[in-house]
Amino acid sequence: MSTPISDEGGPLIPMPELTPAALREAVAKIAPSRVPGLTQHLFEATTSAQQAQSLAPLRAFIHSWAVFVEIERHPRRAARLHALERLVQEGAEDPGPALAEIQQILAKAEAETGL
């Protein structure tokens, strides 16, 4: 497996507020093809929250998209994550080291968002 990529170069955008609108705006800037998925996820989370009379689905939405934005706003980190995901999907190597590094990237992004 190749060496992990550092985050030199800085983020593409500042980390947005952890609101649906701010996260949608950030996704539109850094990964516009993912806006429909975000919109669908928000619709489903809102519906679930209303049906369950709980904010948990909306919290899960914020968590998921905040971590996504935190990763994707750092191009080198995002590229590394995507390369690791491809390695796991291809199944050519033992996935253990790639999965461990994916978990590290996700944990770091989660911590950096304050979640």
Protein backbone atom coordinates (compact mmCIF):
# COMPACT_ATOMS: atom_id res chain seq x y z
CA MET A 1 0.00 0.00 0.00
CA SER A 2 1.24 3.49 -0.73
CA THR A 3 2.18 6.13 1.79
CA PRO A 4 -0.64 8.28 3.23
CA ILE A 5 -1.01 11.72 1.71
CA SER A 6 -0.68 14.75 3.99
CA ASP A 7 -3.12 17.66 3.98
CA GLU A 8 -0.55 20.21 2.81
CA GLY A 9 -2.07 22.97 0.74
CA GLY A 10 -5.01 23.76 2.99
CA PRO A 11 -8.75 23.42 2.58
CA LEU A 12 -10.69 24.50 -0.50
CA ILE A 13 -13.30 26.28 1.63
CA PRO A 14 -13.73 27.10 5.31
CA MET A 15 -15.68 24.57 7.34
CA PRO A 16 -19.31 25.70 7.24
CA GLU A 17 -21.72 25.92 10.13
CA LEU A 18 -23.32 22.59 10.94
CA THR A 19 -26.72 23.43 9.48
CA PRO A 20 -28.44 21.79 6.51
CA ALA A 21 -28.31 25.00 4.46
CA ALA A 22 -24.63 25.69 5.13
CA LEU A 23 -23.66 22.07 4.47
CA ARG A 24 -25.66 22.08 1.21
CA GLU A 25 -23.89 25.26 0.09
CA ALA A 26 -20.50 23.71 0.90
CA VAL A 27 -21.32 20.50 -0.95
CA ALA A 28 -22.46 22.56 -3.95
CA LYS A 29 -19.01 24.17 -4.02
CA ILE A 30 -16.76 21.16 -3.43
CA ALA A 31 -18.77 18.21 -4.77
CA PRO A 32 -21.71 19.47 -6.83
CA SER A 33 -22.56 15.99 -8.09
CA ARG A 34 -23.42 15.01 -4.50
CA VAL A 35 -26.07 17.72 -3.96
CA PRO A 36 -28.94 15.45 -5.11
CA GLY A 37 -27.84 12.81 -2.59
CA LEU A 38 -27.67 15.40 0.17
CA THR A 39 -31.12 16.70 -0.76
CA GLN A 40 -32.59 13.20 -0.76
CA HIS A 41 -30.92 12.38 2.57
CA LEU A 42 -32.29 15.61 4.09
CA PHE A 43 -35.80 14.81 2.84
CA GLU A 44 -35.60 11.31 4.32
CA ALA A 45 -34.16 12.60 7.61
CA THR A 46 -36.89 15.21 7.91
CA THR A 47 -39.60 12.67 7.19
CA SER A 48 -38.13 10.23 9.70
CA ALA A 49 -37.78 12.95 12.32
CA GLN A 50 -41.43 13.89 11.92
CA GLN A 51 -42.64 10.29 12.04
CA ALA A 52 -40.48 9.38 15.03
CA GLN A 53 -40.94 12.75 16.72
CA SER A 54 -37.19 12.74 17.26
CA LEU A 55 -34.29 14.89 16.15
CA ALA A 56 -32.02 11.85 15.86
CA PRO A 57 -32.45 11.48 12.06
CA LEU A 58 -31.55 15.15 11.56
CA ARG A 59 -28.53 14.79 13.85
CA ALA A 60 -27.41 11.78 11.80
CA PHE A 61 -27.82 13.83 8.61
CA ILE A 62 -25.70 16.67 10.02
CA HIS A 63 -23.07 14.22 11.25
CA SER A 64 -22.82 12.39 7.93
CA TRP A 65 -22.58 15.49 5.76
CA ALA A 66 -20.31 17.42 8.13
CA VAL A 67 -17.78 14.58 8.02
CA PHE A 68 -18.15 14.40 4.23
CA VAL A 69 -17.50 18.13 3.87
CA GLU A 70 -14.56 18.04 6.29
CA ILE A 71 -12.92 15.32 4.18
CA GLU A 72 -13.77 16.70 0.75
CA ARG A 73 -12.66 20.26 1.48
CA HIS A 74 -9.12 18.86 1.82
CA PRO A 75 -8.32 17.55 -1.70
CA ARG A 76 -5.34 15.42 -0.70
CA ARG A 77 -7.23 13.79 2.18
CA ALA A 78 -10.23 13.15 -0.07
CA ALA A 79 -8.01 11.66 -2.77
CA ARG A 80 -6.39 9.35 -0.25
CA LEU A 81 -9.75 8.23 1.12
CA HIS A 82 -11.07 7.51 -2.38
CA ALA A 83 -7.91 5.56 -3.27
CA LEU A 84 -8.29 3.47 -0.11
CA GLU A 85 -11.95 2.83 -0.86
CA ARG A 86 -11.02 1.63 -4.35
CA LEU A 87 -8.41 -0.73 -2.89
CA VAL A 88 -11.00 -2.24 -0.60
CA GLN A 89 -13.58 -2.57 -3.40
CA GLU A 90 -11.10 -4.19 -5.78
CA GLY A 91 -10.20 -6.83 -3.22
CA ALA A 92 -6.70 -7.26 -4.65
CA GLU A 93 -4.96 -6.71 -1.30
CA ASP A 94 -5.61 -7.54 2.33
CA PRO A 95 -8.17 -4.84 3.18
CA GLY A 96 -7.13 -4.58 6.84
CA PRO A 97 -4.56 -1.77 6.51
CA ALA A 98 -6.78 0.19 4.10
CA LEU A 99 -9.80 -0.16 6.37
CA ALA A 100 -7.74 0.97 9.37
CA GLU A 101 -6.56 4.06 7.50
CA ILE A 102 -10.10 4.81 6.31
CA GLN A 103 -11.23 4.68 9.93
CA GLN A 104 -8.42 7.06 10.91
CA ILE A 105 -9.43 9.53 8.21
CA LEU A 106 -13.07 9.38 9.28
CA ALA A 107 -12.21 9.75 12.97
CA LYS A 108 -9.95 12.72 12.27
CA ALA A 109 -12.64 14.42 10.17
CA GLU A 110 -15.25 13.77 12.85
CA ALA A 111 -13.00 15.23 15.54
CA GLU A 112 -12.24 18.28 13.41
CA THR A 113 -15.93 19.01 12.96
CA GLY A 114 -16.44 18.89 16.72
CA LEU A 115 -18.85 15.99 16.54
